[in-house]
C-alpha atoms as a PDB file:
ATOM      1  CA  MET A   1      23.546 343.880 287.095  1.00  0.00           C
ATOM      2  CA  ARG A   2      20.396 345.540 285.256  1.00  0.00           C
ATOM      3  CA  ARG A   3      20.910 343.644 282.378  1.00  0.00           C
ATOM      4  CA  LEU A   4      20.865 340.407 283.788  1.00  0.00           C
ATOM      5  CA  LEU A   5      18.200 340.631 286.116  1.00  0.00           C
ATOM      6  CA  ARG A   6      15.949 341.122 282.731  1.00  0.00           C
ATOM      7  CA  THR A   7      17.042 337.264 282.471  1.00  0.00           C
ATOM      8  CA  PRO A   8      13.624 335.513 284.377  1.00  0.00           C
ATOM      9  CA  TYR A   9      15.570 332.900 285.595  1.00  0.00           C
ATOM     10  CA  LEU A  10      17.827 334.850 287.279  1.00  0.00           C
ATOM     11  CA  LEU A  11      15.701 337.266 288.788  1.00  0.00           C
ATOM     12  CA  LEU A  12      13.683 334.315 290.266  1.00  0.00           C
ATOM     13  CA  ALA A  13      16.637 333.553 291.447  1.00  0.00           C
ATOM     14  CA  LEU A  14      17.527 337.061 293.294  1.00  0.00           C
ATOM     15  CA  VAL A  15      14.353 336.319 294.221  1.00  0.00           C
ATOM     16  CA  PHE A  16      14.583 333.269 296.431  1.00  0.00           C
ATOM     17  CA  SER A  17      17.622 334.389 297.505  1.00  0.00           C
ATOM     18  CA  MET A  18      16.071 337.004 299.435  1.00  0.00           C
ATOM     19  CA  GLY A  19      15.727 334.576 302.354  1.00  0.00           C
ATOM     20  CA  ALA A  20      12.429 333.695 304.593  1.00  0.00           C
ATOM     21  CA  SER A  21      12.597 337.391 305.858  1.00  0.00           C
ATOM     22  CA  SER A  22      11.226 338.792 302.620  1.00  0.00           C
ATOM     23  CA  CYS A  23       8.991 335.392 301.388  1.00  0.00           C
ATOM     24  CA  THR A  24       5.647 336.109 303.412  1.00  0.00           C
ATOM     25  CA  LYS A  25       2.528 333.735 303.548  1.00  0.00           C
ATOM     26  CA  ASP A  26      -1.191 334.650 304.781  1.00  0.00           C
ATOM     27  CA  ALA A  27      -3.341 333.582 306.229  1.00  0.00           C
ATOM     28  CA  ASN A  28      -5.013 332.590 302.816  1.00  0.00           C
ATOM     29  CA  GLY A  29      -1.589 330.561 302.021  1.00  0.00           C
ATOM     30  CA  ASP A  30      -0.930 333.048 299.581  1.00  0.00           C
ATOM     31  CA  ARG A  31       2.859 334.020 299.579  1.00  0.00           C
ATOM     32  CA  LEU A  32       4.871 337.357 298.657  1.00  0.00           C
ATOM     33  CA  PHE A  33       8.370 337.404 297.264  1.00  0.00           C
ATOM     34  CA  PHE A  34       7.910 340.897 298.229  1.00  0.00           C
ATOM     35  CA  SER A  35       9.836 342.864 302.007  1.00  0.00           C
ATOM     36  CA  VAL A  36       8.344 345.788 303.496  1.00  0.00           C
ATOM     37  CA  GLU A  37      11.046 347.782 301.895  1.00  0.00           C
ATOM     38  CA  ASP A  38       9.730 346.643 298.101  1.00  0.00           C
ATOM     39  CA  ASP A  39       6.350 347.354 299.437  1.00  0.00           C
ATOM     40  CA  LYS A  40       7.251 351.156 300.693  1.00  0.00           C
ATOM     41  CA  THR A  41       9.823 351.389 297.038  1.00  0.00           C
ATOM     42  CA  LEU A  42       7.219 350.454 294.587  1.00  0.00           C
ATOM     43  CA  GLY A  43       3.882 352.169 296.601  1.00  0.00           C
ATOM     44  CA  GLU A  44       5.912 355.202 296.154  1.00  0.00           C
ATOM     45  CA  LYS A  45       7.263 354.762 292.318  1.00  0.00           C
ATOM     46  CA  VAL A  46       3.385 354.053 292.039  1.00  0.00           C
ATOM     47  CA  ALA A  47       2.061 356.945 293.754  1.00  0.00           C
ATOM     48  CA  HIS A  48       4.160 359.378 291.700  1.00  0.00           C
ATOM     49  CA  GLN A  49       2.913 357.926 288.090  1.00  0.00           C
ATOM     50  CA  THR A  50      -0.313 358.123 289.601  1.00  0.00           C
ATOM     51  CA  ASP A  51       0.055 361.864 290.794  1.00  0.00           C
ATOM     52  CA  SER A  52       1.820 362.868 287.443  1.00  0.00           C
ATOM     53  CA  THR A  53      -1.248 361.432 285.743  1.00  0.00           C
ATOM     54  CA  TYR A  54      -3.773 363.249 287.975  1.00  0.00           C
ATOM     55  CA  ALA A  55      -2.284 366.103 287.858  1.00  0.00           C
ATOM     56  CA  ALA A  56      -1.509 366.652 283.754  1.00  0.00           C
ATOM     57  CA  LYS A  57      -5.392 366.509 283.761  1.00  0.00           C
ATOM     58  CA  GLY A  58      -5.955 369.224 286.934  1.00  0.00           C
ATOM     59  CA  GLN A  59      -7.266 366.679 288.859  1.00  0.00           C
ATOM     60  CA  LEU A  60      -4.720 366.299 292.260  1.00  0.00           C
ATOM     61  CA  LEU A  61      -5.514 369.136 294.603  1.00  0.00           C
ATOM     62  CA  ALA A  62      -2.263 369.403 295.610  1.00  0.00           C
ATOM     63  CA  ARG A  63      -1.410 370.079 298.986  1.00  0.00           C
ATOM     64  CA  THR A  64       0.796 372.716 298.510  1.00  0.00           C
ATOM     65  CA  ASP A  65      -1.977 374.812 297.677  1.00  0.00           C
ATOM     66  CA  THR A  66      -3.865 377.195 299.586  1.00  0.00           C
ATOM     67  CA  LYS A  67      -7.394 376.774 298.808  1.00  0.00           C
ATOM     68  CA  ASN A  68      -6.901 372.871 299.307  1.00  0.00           C
ATOM     69  CA  GLN A  69      -5.287 373.269 303.188  1.00  0.00           C
ATOM     70  CA  ARG A  70      -8.409 373.313 304.987  1.00  0.00           C
ATOM     71  CA  ALA A  71     -10.096 370.282 303.034  1.00  0.00           C
ATOM     72  CA  TYR A  72      -7.064 368.127 303.529  1.00  0.00           C
ATOM     73  CA  GLN A  73      -7.696 369.202 307.258  1.00  0.00           C
ATOM     74  CA  LEU A  74     -10.572 367.812 307.986  1.00  0.00           C
ATOM     75  CA  LEU A  75      -9.857 364.772 306.050  1.00  0.00           C
ATOM     76  CA  ASP A  76      -6.497 363.474 307.466  1.00  0.00           C
ATOM     77  CA  GLY A  77      -8.731 363.778 310.594  1.00  0.00           C
ATOM     78  CA  VAL A  78     -10.761 361.188 309.434  1.00  0.00           C
ATOM     79  CA  VAL A  79      -8.170 359.221 307.976  1.00  0.00           C
ATOM     80  CA  ASN A  80      -5.277 360.062 311.159  1.00  0.00           C
ATOM     81  CA  ARG A  81      -8.504 358.523 313.663  1.00  0.00           C
ATOM     82  CA  VAL A  82      -8.581 355.233 312.117  1.00  0.00           C
ATOM     83  CA  LEU A  83      -4.050 354.673 311.187  1.00  0.00           C
ATOM     84  CA  ASN A  84      -3.883 355.685 315.297  1.00  0.00           C
ATOM     85  CA  SER A  85      -6.211 352.824 316.075  1.00  0.00           C
ATOM     86  CA  GLY A  86      -3.851 351.180 317.839  1.00  0.00           C
ATOM     87  CA  GLU A  87      -4.463 348.027 315.558  1.00  0.00           C
ATOM     88  CA  LEU A  88      -2.403 348.574 312.179  1.00  0.00           C
ATOM     89  CA  THR A  89       0.337 346.213 311.647  1.00  0.00           C
ATOM     90  CA  TYR A  90       2.611 348.790 309.642  1.00  0.00           C
ATOM     91  CA  ARG A  91       1.541 351.819 311.419  1.00  0.00           C
ATOM     92  CA  ASN A  92       5.664 353.209 311.196  1.00  0.00           C
ATOM     93  CA  GLU A  93       6.775 351.481 308.868  1.00  0.00           C
ATOM     94  CA  PHE A  94       4.677 352.473 305.759  1.00  0.00           C
ATOM     95  CA  PRO A  95       4.430 357.022 305.036  1.00  0.00           C
ATOM     96  CA  TRP A  96       0.583 356.775 304.735  1.00  0.00           C
ATOM     97  CA  ASP A  97      -0.344 359.386 303.251  1.00  0.00           C
ATOM     98  CA  VAL A  98      -4.002 360.282 301.321  1.00  0.00           C
ATOM     99  CA  LYS A  99      -4.690 362.474 298.071  1.00  0.00           C
ATOM    100  CA  ILE A 100      -7.661 363.977 296.823  1.00  0.00           C
ATOM    101  CA  ILE A 101      -8.818 363.534 292.827  1.00  0.00           C
ATOM    102  CA  LYS A 102     -11.243 366.373 291.750  1.00  0.00           C
ATOM    103  CA  ASP A 103     -13.532 364.241 290.135  1.00  0.00           C
ATOM    104  CA  ASP A 104     -16.882 363.856 291.264  1.00  0.00           C
ATOM    105  CA  ASN A 105     -18.740 361.279 288.925  1.00  0.00           C
ATOM    106  CA  ILE A 106     -16.092 358.659 290.057  1.00  0.00           C
ATOM    107  CA  GLN A 107     -17.295 357.153 293.696  1.00  0.00           C
ATOM    108  CA  ASN A 108     -14.190 355.381 294.446  1.00  0.00           C
ATOM    109  CA  ALA A 109     -10.768 354.883 296.497  1.00  0.00           C
ATOM    110  CA  PHE A 110      -8.030 352.696 296.228  1.00  0.00           C
ATOM    111  CA  ALA A 111      -4.801 352.698 297.570  1.00  0.00           C
ATOM    112  CA  THR A 112      -0.967 352.225 296.725  1.00  0.00           C
ATOM    113  CA  PRO A 113       1.023 349.356 298.331  1.00  0.00           C
ATOM    114  CA  GLY A 114       2.831 351.743 301.126  1.00  0.00           C
ATOM    115  CA  GLY A 115      -0.086 353.143 302.162  1.00  0.00           C
ATOM    116  CA  HIS A 116      -1.135 356.079 299.574  1.00  0.00           C
ATOM    117  CA  ILE A 117      -4.287 356.524 299.972  1.00  0.00           C
ATOM    118  CA  TYR A 118      -6.649 358.636 297.366  1.00  0.00           C
ATOM    119  CA  VAL A 119      -9.637 358.926 297.338  1.00  0.00           C
ATOM    120  CA  TYR A 120     -12.293 360.719 294.581  1.00  0.00           C
ATOM    121  CA  THR A 121     -14.152 363.859 295.356  1.00  0.00           C
ATOM    122  CA  GLY A 122     -17.993 361.893 294.131  1.00  0.00           C
ATOM    123  CA  LEU A 123     -17.152 358.998 296.508  1.00  0.00           C
ATOM    124  CA  ILE A 124     -17.064 362.216 299.443  1.00  0.00           C
ATOM    125  CA  LYS A 125     -19.579 363.771 298.167  1.00  0.00           C
ATOM    126  CA  PHE A 126     -21.791 360.494 297.728  1.00  0.00           C
ATOM    127  CA  LEU A 127     -22.169 359.904 301.561  1.00  0.00           C
ATOM    128  CA  ASP A 128     -23.838 360.594 304.175  1.00  0.00           C
ATOM    129  CA  ASN A 129     -21.626 360.796 307.394  1.00  0.00           C
ATOM    130  CA  GLU A 130     -18.253 360.795 308.443  1.00  0.00           C
ATOM    131  CA  SER A 131     -18.450 357.166 309.938  1.00  0.00           C
ATOM    132  CA  GLN A 132     -19.347 356.068 306.165  1.00  0.00           C
ATOM    133  CA  LEU A 133     -16.126 358.077 305.127  1.00  0.00           C
ATOM    134  CA  ALA A 134     -14.032 356.006 307.787  1.00  0.00           C
ATOM    135  CA  GLY A 135     -15.264 353.347 306.972  1.00  0.00           C
ATOM    136  CA  VAL A 136     -14.664 353.185 303.344  1.00  0.00           C
ATOM    137  CA  LEU A 137     -11.083 354.520 303.803  1.00  0.00           C
ATOM    138  CA  GLY A 138     -10.439 352.386 306.511  1.00  0.00           C
ATOM    139  CA  HIS A 139     -11.101 349.613 304.129  1.00  0.00           C
ATOM    140  CA  GLU A 140      -8.785 351.190 301.634  1.00  0.00           C
ATOM    141  CA  ILE A 141      -6.391 351.538 304.410  1.00  0.00           C
ATOM    142  CA  ALA A 142      -7.185 347.658 305.307  1.00  0.00           C
ATOM    143  CA  HIS A 143      -6.256 346.583 301.502  1.00  0.00           C
ATOM    144  CA  ALA A 144      -2.387 348.295 302.023  1.00  0.00           C
ATOM    145  CA  ASP A 145      -1.627 347.396 305.865  1.00  0.00           C
ATOM    146  CA  ARG A 146      -2.855 343.744 305.153  1.00  0.00           C
ATOM    147  CA  ARG A 147      -0.772 343.778 301.580  1.00  0.00           C
ATOM    148  CA  HIS A 148      -3.551 342.848 299.632  1.00  0.00           C
ATOM    149  CA  THR A 149      -2.442 345.251 297.287  1.00  0.00           C
ATOM    150  CA  SER A 150       0.685 343.613 296.593  1.00  0.00           C
ATOM    151  CA  LYS A 151      -0.418 340.573 296.682  1.00  0.00           C
ATOM    152  CA  SER A 152      -2.718 340.986 293.764  1.00  0.00           C
ATOM    153  CA  LEU A 153      -0.696 342.881 291.894  1.00  0.00           C
ATOM    154  CA  GLN A 154       2.263 339.935 291.884  1.00  0.00           C
ATOM    155  CA  GLN A 155      -0.718 337.687 291.303  1.00  0.00           C
ATOM    156  CA  GLN A 156      -1.440 339.436 287.935  1.00  0.00           C
ATOM    157  CA  TYR A 157       1.726 340.412 286.596  1.00  0.00           C
ATOM    158  CA  GLY A 158       4.464 338.107 287.985  1.00  0.00           C
ATOM    159  CA  ILE A 159       6.813 338.552 290.787  1.00  0.00           C
ATOM    160  CA  SER A 160       9.596 339.347 288.349  1.00  0.00           C
ATOM    161  CA  VAL A 161       7.321 342.327 286.852  1.00  0.00           C
ATOM    162  CA  LEU A 162       7.043 343.669 290.070  1.00  0.00           C
ATOM    163  CA  LEU A 163      10.764 343.745 290.841  1.00  0.00           C
ATOM    164  CA  SER A 164      11.738 345.534 288.195  1.00  0.00           C
ATOM    165  CA  LEU A 165       9.408 348.403 288.735  1.00  0.00           C
ATOM    166  CA  VAL A 166      10.786 348.432 292.578  1.00  0.00           C
ATOM    167  CA  LEU A 167      14.772 348.337 290.393  1.00  0.00           C
ATOM    168  CA  GLY A 168      13.473 351.201 289.140  1.00  0.00           C
ATOM    169  CA  GLU A 169      13.167 349.462 284.928  1.00  0.00           C
ATOM    170  CA  ASN A 170       9.863 349.329 282.875  1.00  0.00           C
ATOM    171  CA  PRO A 171       8.476 352.975 283.207  1.00  0.00           C
ATOM    172  CA  ASN A 172       5.925 351.795 280.525  1.00  0.00           C
ATOM    173  CA  GLN A 173       4.257 348.456 283.091  1.00  0.00           C
ATOM    174  CA  LEU A 174       4.211 351.116 285.589  1.00  0.00           C
ATOM    175  CA  ALA A 175       2.670 353.144 284.151  1.00  0.00           C
ATOM    176  CA  GLU A 176      -0.340 350.680 282.995  1.00  0.00           C
ATOM    177  CA  ILE A 177      -0.041 349.345 287.042  1.00  0.00           C
ATOM    178  CA  ALA A 178      -1.151 353.295 287.934  1.00  0.00           C
ATOM    179  CA  ALA A 179      -3.409 353.593 285.614  1.00  0.00           C
ATOM    180  CA  GLY A 180      -5.143 350.297 286.797  1.00  0.00           C
ATOM    181  CA  LEU A 181      -4.401 350.161 290.118  1.00  0.00           C
ATOM    182  CA  GLY A 182      -8.376 352.043 291.328  1.00  0.00           C
ATOM    183  CA  GLN A 183      -9.721 349.033 288.886  1.00  0.00           C
ATOM    184  CA  LEU A 184      -8.177 346.172 290.987  1.00  0.00           C
ATOM    185  CA  LYS A 185      -9.915 343.621 291.205  1.00  0.00           C
ATOM    186  CA  PHE A 186      -8.922 341.780 294.727  1.00  0.00           C
ATOM    187  CA  SER A 187     -10.170 338.482 295.899  1.00  0.00           C
ATOM    188  CA  ARG A 188     -13.198 337.384 298.116  1.00  0.00           C
ATOM    189  CA  ASP A 189     -11.113 336.474 300.654  1.00  0.00           C
ATOM    190  CA  TYR A 190      -9.153 340.027 300.625  1.00  0.00           C
ATOM    191  CA  GLU A 191     -12.508 342.266 300.669  1.00  0.00           C
ATOM    192  CA  ARG A 192     -13.826 340.102 303.420  1.00  0.00           C
ATOM    193  CA  GLU A 193     -10.662 340.575 305.375  1.00  0.00           C
ATOM    194  CA  ALA A 194     -10.433 344.514 304.563  1.00  0.00           C
ATOM    195  CA  ASP A 195     -14.333 344.550 305.707  1.00  0.00           C
ATOM    196  CA  ASP A 196     -13.209 342.861 308.674  1.00  0.00           C
ATOM    197  CA  TYR A 197     -10.153 345.294 309.696  1.00  0.00           C
ATOM    198  CA  SER A 198     -12.529 348.303 308.799  1.00  0.00           C
ATOM    199  CA  VAL A 199     -14.643 347.187 311.944  1.00  0.00           C
ATOM    200  CA  VAL A 200     -11.552 346.417 313.585  1.00  0.00           C
ATOM    201  CA  TYR A 201     -10.118 349.635 312.958  1.00  0.00           C
ATOM    202  CA  LEU A 202     -13.074 352.256 313.617  1.00  0.00           C
ATOM    203  CA  ASN A 203     -14.161 350.039 316.835  1.00  0.00           C
ATOM    204  CA  LYS A 204     -11.212 351.913 318.226  1.00  0.00           C
ATOM    205  CA  THR A 205     -12.132 355.273 317.369  1.00  0.00           C
ATOM    206  CA  ILE A 206     -15.285 357.583 317.906  1.00  0.00           C
ATOM    207  CA  TYR A 207     -16.793 356.458 314.490  1.00  0.00           C
ATOM    208  CA  ALA A 208     -19.657 353.709 314.027  1.00  0.00           C
ATOM    209  CA  CYS A 209     -17.412 350.883 313.301  1.00  0.00           C
ATOM    210  CA  ASP A 210     -20.165 349.374 310.562  1.00  0.00           C
ATOM    211  CA  GLY A 211     -19.507 352.533 308.734  1.00  0.00           C
ATOM    212  CA  ALA A 212     -18.729 350.435 305.578  1.00  0.00           C
ATOM    213  CA  ALA A 213     -21.986 348.943 305.690  1.00  0.00           C
ATOM    214  CA  GLY A 214     -23.531 352.548 305.770  1.00  0.00           C
ATOM    215  CA  PHE A 215     -22.083 352.903 302.130  1.00  0.00           C
ATOM    216  CA  PHE A 216     -22.851 349.441 300.858  1.00  0.00           C
ATOM    217  CA  ILE A 217     -26.542 349.678 302.195  1.00  0.00           C
ATOM    218  CA  LYS A 218     -26.840 353.294 300.171  1.00  0.00           C
ATOM    219  CA  ALA A 219     -24.993 351.896 297.354  1.00  0.00           C
ATOM    220  CA  GLN A 220     -26.781 349.547 296.832  1.00  0.00           C
ATOM    221  CA  ALA A 221     -30.480 351.309 297.228  1.00  0.00           C
ATOM    222  CA  GLU A 222     -29.244 353.191 294.422  1.00  0.00           C
ATOM    223  CA  GLY A 223     -30.088 350.700 292.144  1.00  0.00           C
ATOM    224  CA  SER A 224     -27.941 349.554 289.317  1.00  0.00           C
ATOM    225  CA  ALA A 225     -27.781 351.990 287.119  1.00  0.00           C
ATOM    226  CA  SER A 226     -26.328 354.517 289.093  1.00  0.00           C
ATOM    227  CA  GLN A 227     -23.994 352.356 292.011  1.00  0.00           C
ATOM    228  CA  PRO A 228     -20.257 353.811 292.836  1.00  0.00           C
ATOM    229  CA  GLU A 229     -17.774 352.351 290.472  1.00  0.00           C
ATOM    230  CA  PHE A 230     -16.520 351.560 293.607  1.00  0.00           C
ATOM    231  CA  LEU A 231     -18.631 348.196 293.264  1.00  0.00           C
ATOM    232  CA  SER A 232     -17.555 347.693 290.334  1.00  0.00           C
ATOM    233  CA  THR A 233     -14.077 346.016 292.069  1.00  0.00           C
ATOM    234  CA  HIS A 234     -15.895 345.125 295.580  1.00  0.00           C
ATOM    235  CA  PRO A 235     -18.886 343.527 294.596  1.00  0.00           C
ATOM    236  CA  ASP A 236     -21.947 341.453 296.250  1.00  0.00           C
ATOM    237  CA  PRO A 237     -22.512 344.040 298.777  1.00  0.00           C
ATOM    238  CA  GLY A 238     -25.606 342.277 300.612  1.00  0.00           C
ATOM    239  CA  SER A 239     -23.714 339.206 301.760  1.00  0.00           C
ATOM    240  CA  ARG A 240     -20.251 341.919 303.046  1.00  0.00           C
ATOM    241  CA  ILE A 241     -23.331 344.316 304.617  1.00  0.00           C
ATOM    242  CA  GLU A 242     -24.534 341.106 306.851  1.00  0.00           C
ATOM    243  CA  ALA A 243     -20.602 340.464 307.648  1.00  0.00           C
ATOM    244  CA  ILE A 244     -20.008 344.200 308.446  1.00  0.00           C
ATOM    245  CA  GLU A 245     -22.076 343.980 310.562  1.00  0.00           C
ATOM    246  CA  ALA A 246     -22.145 341.046 312.451  1.00  0.00           C
ATOM    247  CA  LYS A 247     -18.637 341.991 313.398  1.00  0.00           C
ATOM    248  CA  ALA A 248     -19.682 345.316 314.845  1.00  0.00           C
ATOM    249  CA  THR A 249     -22.367 343.307 316.594  1.00  0.00           C
ATOM    250  CA  GLN A 250     -19.788 341.127 318.641  1.00  0.00           C
ATOM    251  CA  LEU A 251     -17.425 343.899 319.182  1.00  0.00           C
ATOM    252  CA  ASN A 252     -20.418 346.210 320.279  1.00  0.00           C
ATOM    253  CA  CYS A 253     -19.378 349.037 318.768  1.00  0.00           C
ATOM    254  CA  LYS A 254     -22.324 350.282 316.193  1.00  0.00           C
ATOM    255  CA  GLY A 255     -24.681 352.898 316.595  1.00  0.00           C
ATOM    256  CA  ARG A 256     -22.453 355.594 317.918  1.00  0.00           C
ATOM    257  CA  THR A 257     -23.301 359.371 316.192  1.00  0.00           C
ATOM    258  CA  VAL A 258     -20.687 361.505 315.310  1.00  0.00           C
ATOM    259  CA  ASP A 259     -20.998 365.417 314.796  1.00  0.00           C
ATOM    260  CA  ASN A 260     -21.313 365.453 311.049  1.00  0.00           C
ATOM    261  CA  ASN A 261     -20.681 369.393 310.759  1.00  0.00           C
ATOM    262  CA  ASN A 262     -16.450 368.618 309.843  1.00  0.00           C
ATOM    263  CA  PHE A 263     -18.018 366.255 307.047  1.00  0.00           C
ATOM    264  CA  GLU A 264     -20.492 368.567 305.456  1.00  0.00           C
ATOM    265  CA  GLU A 265     -17.782 371.633 305.378  1.00  0.00           C
ATOM    266  CA  LEU A 266     -15.323 368.898 303.951  1.00  0.00           C
ATOM    267  CA  LYS A 267     -18.062 368.492 300.523  1.00  0.00           C
ATOM    268  CA  ARG A 268     -19.122 372.156 300.853  1.00  0.00           C
ATOM    269  CA  ILE A 269     -15.604 372.891 299.940  1.00  0.00           C
ATOM    270  CA  LEU A 270     -14.892 369.928 297.439  1.00  0.00           C
END
C-alpha cells in the first residue's frame, strides 16, 4: 500500500475517495482535501519535528523543567482566555498547546495545523502589554482554527505531499516544512480573516480586543531597520491597523485596561 501511494495518480484517487466530509471549501473558495483528523495528524508530526529541531539547539523551553513552569503558567493563562472565548470552531477537536522558543533576536510566533502554537521570547519582550500578546496569539490561533495553515501548505506543496506526510512518509520534506513554518506567507484574505477573528476572540475576554493593532502600531513605529520578523510574513500593517480598529469599534470592545503585572513578570522570567 505504501508503495502504491507514491504514485501521484493513485494518491489523488485516494483523496477523492475520502468523500465530501474530507473536502472543505472556505469563504474564499479554496478547497482543502484534508479532514480535521488529517490536520491533527500532520500538526502532531510537524510539531514533533519542530520540537526536536529547537531542542537540539537548546532553544525549546521544556515544560517539564521546573524553572520554566511559572513562565508557562503565565503564558497559558493568556492562551486559554483566547481559546475559551467560545468563538473557535475546533476548540475541542484540536489539542491546542503553546511552546516557547528562546531567541530574543526573533520577534515572531506561528502555529502548526491542529493548533500547536510557538512563540519566541523576542516577541514577548518586544510587546508592551498583555492585550498585545493576546492579540498576536489570537491571530495565530485563527490561522490554525480557520485552517489557513493547512490550506497554504496545500497550495505550496500539493495535496499528495501533505498526505504522504500524514501517512508517515517523506521525512526530509517534513523537516523542510517544519523549518519553514515560521516564514510561511499567507494570502491577504487569510491575513485579514485572522486579524478579524483575533478581534472576535478577544471581544469575549478581559483584553482590549484591538490588541493586535497595538502590536502593529509599535512595529510600524520601529522603522524598517528593526521591524519584527513577524512583519515579513504578515505585511502591510497600515491598512490592517485600520481594519482591526474598525472591527473593534463595531464590537465596542476597545479601550479595556488589564493589569500588566503578570505580563511584566513573564518578561522578567524569560
